[in-house]
Amino acid sequence: MREPSEGTCPQHGTKAESNEGAYTMYHGTSLSAARQILRFGFRPSKLGKLGKGVYLTCNFRKAAFHADVPNRQGQAVILQLRVRIGKAVKTDQLCHPLRMKWHQAGYDSAWIPANPLTLESEEHCIWDPRRITVLSIMIPPFMQPPTEPDK
């Protein structure tokens, strides 16, 4: 499987995937959780760096890491998503005044940029799960069976 190209994030200066302000993002999880997401939709997390919401990333490798978190039950998968971020706020400081209350201030999503000093990649928090559409379910490259050589 070819790894999807990086840089489809709105904050990285690339153009939107559609005229609706939708972007390609990823979410790493287990196959059983992915099935629940397909059936019932995303359930927002209660806690996280940006408070309540659905946590996503534009970084395929970060999603692959989260898909294979130790002790996760079952097959690791990555959901490729179409996300309408709406009105977004960048929270690039630990003490940003909207870091945990961006939705109350009228934003649909918040994001933390990548930090090369801590090696953390960006992450996005989407308040309303209805802004997220699953495009495909992918098996991370490190989980795929090896291919047989041509004879």
Protein backbone atom coordinates (compact mmCIF):
# COMPACT_ATOMS: atom_id res chain seq x y z
CA MET A 1 0.00 0.00 0.00
CA ARG A 2 1.33 3.41 -0.89
CA GLU A 3 1.25 5.83 2.02
CA PRO A 4 -1.08 8.78 1.35
CA SER A 5 0.65 12.05 0.67
CA GLU A 6 1.14 14.40 3.59
CA GLY A 7 0.07 18.04 3.67
CA THR A 8 -3.65 17.90 3.04
CA CYS A 9 -4.27 19.94 6.18
CA PRO A 10 -5.87 23.35 5.95
CA GLN A 11 -3.26 24.89 8.24
CA HIS A 12 -0.32 23.75 6.12
CA GLY A 13 -1.12 26.15 3.32
CA THR A 14 -2.55 23.57 0.91
CA LYS A 15 -5.82 24.00 -0.92
CA ALA A 16 -9.07 22.43 0.20
CA GLU A 17 -10.09 19.08 -1.26
CA SER A 18 -13.43 20.59 -2.23
CA ASN A 19 -15.14 23.97 -2.37
CA GLU A 20 -16.84 23.20 0.96
CA GLY A 21 -13.64 23.56 2.98
CA ALA A 22 -13.30 19.80 3.45
CA TYR A 23 -9.92 18.20 4.07
CA THR A 24 -8.49 14.70 4.20
CA MET A 25 -7.58 13.60 7.73
CA TYR A 26 -6.94 10.30 9.51
CA HIS A 27 -7.94 8.50 12.69
CA GLY A 28 -6.11 5.43 14.00
CA THR A 29 -8.18 2.84 15.86
CA SER A 30 -9.04 -0.86 16.02
CA LEU A 31 -11.14 -2.67 13.45
CA SER A 32 -13.90 -3.30 15.99
CA ALA A 33 -14.01 0.41 16.92
CA ALA A 34 -13.99 1.33 13.21
CA ARG A 35 -17.05 -0.86 12.69
CA GLN A 36 -18.81 0.96 15.54
CA ILE A 37 -17.86 4.31 14.01
CA LEU A 38 -19.29 3.24 10.65
CA ARG A 39 -22.49 2.07 12.29
CA PHE A 40 -23.10 4.83 14.86
CA GLY A 41 -20.66 7.64 13.99
CA PHE A 42 -17.83 9.06 16.04
CA ARG A 43 -18.31 9.55 19.78
CA PRO A 44 -16.48 12.68 20.96
CA SER A 45 -13.80 12.20 23.61
CA LYS A 46 -14.60 13.80 26.95
CA LEU A 47 -10.99 14.83 27.57
CA GLY A 48 -7.87 15.64 25.60
CA LYS A 49 -5.39 18.42 24.92
CA LEU A 50 -8.21 20.49 23.42
CA GLY A 51 -11.09 19.28 25.57
CA LYS A 52 -14.19 17.51 24.29
CA GLY A 53 -14.33 16.49 20.62
CA VAL A 54 -13.20 14.00 17.99
CA TYR A 55 -9.40 13.92 17.64
CA LEU A 56 -7.95 13.59 14.13
CA THR A 57 -4.68 14.23 12.35
CA CYS A 58 -3.45 15.11 8.88
CA ASN A 59 -0.39 12.98 9.56
CA PHE A 60 -0.84 9.42 8.29
CA ARG A 61 2.09 8.14 10.39
CA LYS A 62 0.63 9.59 13.58
CA ALA A 63 -2.69 7.87 12.84
CA ALA A 64 -0.81 4.60 12.20
CA PHE A 65 0.92 4.96 15.57
CA HIS A 66 -2.40 5.51 17.35
CA ALA A 67 -3.92 2.56 15.48
CA ASP A 68 -1.25 0.29 16.94
CA VAL A 69 -1.18 1.59 20.52
CA PRO A 70 0.00 -1.23 22.83
CA ASN A 71 -2.78 -3.31 24.38
CA ARG A 72 -5.33 -2.29 21.73
CA GLN A 73 -7.69 -5.18 21.05
CA GLY A 74 -7.83 -6.59 17.51
CA GLN A 75 -6.62 -5.44 14.11
CA ALA A 76 -5.19 -1.92 13.83
CA VAL A 77 -6.76 0.24 11.11
CA ILE A 78 -6.66 3.83 9.90
CA LEU A 79 -9.81 5.65 8.87
CA GLN A 80 -9.34 8.05 5.98
CA LEU A 81 -11.79 10.89 6.49
CA ARG A 82 -13.32 13.90 4.80
CA VAL A 83 -13.57 16.61 7.44
CA ARG A 84 -15.39 19.93 7.20
CA ILE A 85 -13.47 21.90 9.81
CA GLY A 86 -15.70 24.97 9.78
CA LYS A 87 -14.45 27.91 11.82
CA ALA A 88 -11.10 26.78 13.29
CA VAL A 89 -8.78 28.23 15.92
CA LYS A 90 -5.05 27.51 16.24
CA THR A 91 -4.01 26.92 19.86
CA ASP A 92 -0.23 27.00 19.67
CA GLN A 93 0.47 27.81 23.32
CA LEU A 94 -0.09 25.63 26.36
CA CYS A 95 -1.80 28.55 28.08
CA HIS A 96 -3.86 29.66 25.05
CA PRO A 97 -7.05 31.30 26.40
CA LEU A 98 -9.30 29.19 24.13
CA ARG A 99 -7.45 25.88 24.48
CA MET A 100 -10.27 24.16 26.39
CA LYS A 101 -13.20 26.48 25.55
CA TRP A 102 -12.91 27.11 21.83
CA HIS A 103 -16.40 25.76 21.10
CA GLN A 104 -18.00 28.13 23.61
CA ALA A 105 -16.22 30.96 21.75
CA GLY A 106 -17.97 30.00 18.49
CA TYR A 107 -15.41 27.70 16.84
CA ASP A 108 -16.24 24.38 15.16
CA SER A 109 -12.73 22.98 15.54
CA ALA A 110 -9.38 23.66 17.15
CA TRP A 111 -5.91 22.47 16.27
CA ILE A 112 -2.43 22.25 17.72
CA PRO A 113 0.43 22.63 15.21
CA ALA A 114 3.36 20.23 15.01
CA ASN A 115 6.16 20.92 17.47
CA PRO A 116 9.61 19.92 16.18
CA LEU A 117 11.14 20.38 19.64
CA THR A 118 8.93 17.70 21.22
CA LEU A 119 8.54 15.69 17.99
CA GLU A 120 4.76 15.92 18.35
CA SER A 121 2.76 16.18 15.15
CA GLU A 122 -0.33 18.31 14.71
CA GLU A 123 -3.73 17.28 15.91
CA HIS A 124 -7.23 18.55 15.34
CA CYS A 125 -10.32 18.43 17.51
CA ILE A 126 -13.72 18.56 15.81
CA TRP A 127 -16.71 19.42 18.01
CA ASP A 128 -19.54 17.97 15.90
CA PRO A 129 -18.95 14.41 14.59
CA ARG A 130 -21.43 15.08 11.76
CA ARG A 131 -18.66 17.14 10.13
CA ILE A 132 -16.70 13.91 9.57
CA THR A 133 -17.29 11.40 6.77
CA VAL A 134 -15.40 8.09 6.57
CA LEU A 135 -13.91 7.62 3.10
CA SER A 136 -12.06 4.35 3.61
CA ILE A 137 -10.59 1.92 6.12
CA MET A 138 -6.90 1.16 5.64
CA ILE A 139 -4.57 -1.35 7.24
CA PRO A 140 -1.35 0.39 8.33
CA PRO A 141 1.62 -0.62 6.13
CA PHE A 142 3.45 -2.29 9.03
CA MET A 143 0.43 -4.58 9.62
CA GLN A 144 0.03 -5.81 6.03
CA PRO A 145 1.21 -9.31 5.16
CA PRO A 146 4.41 -9.42 3.10
CA THR A 147 3.98 -9.81 -0.64
CA GLU A 148 5.45 -12.84 -2.38
CA PRO A 149 8.28 -12.15 -4.83
CA ASP A 150 7.55 -12.50 -8.54
CA LYS A 151 8.81 -15.71 -10.12
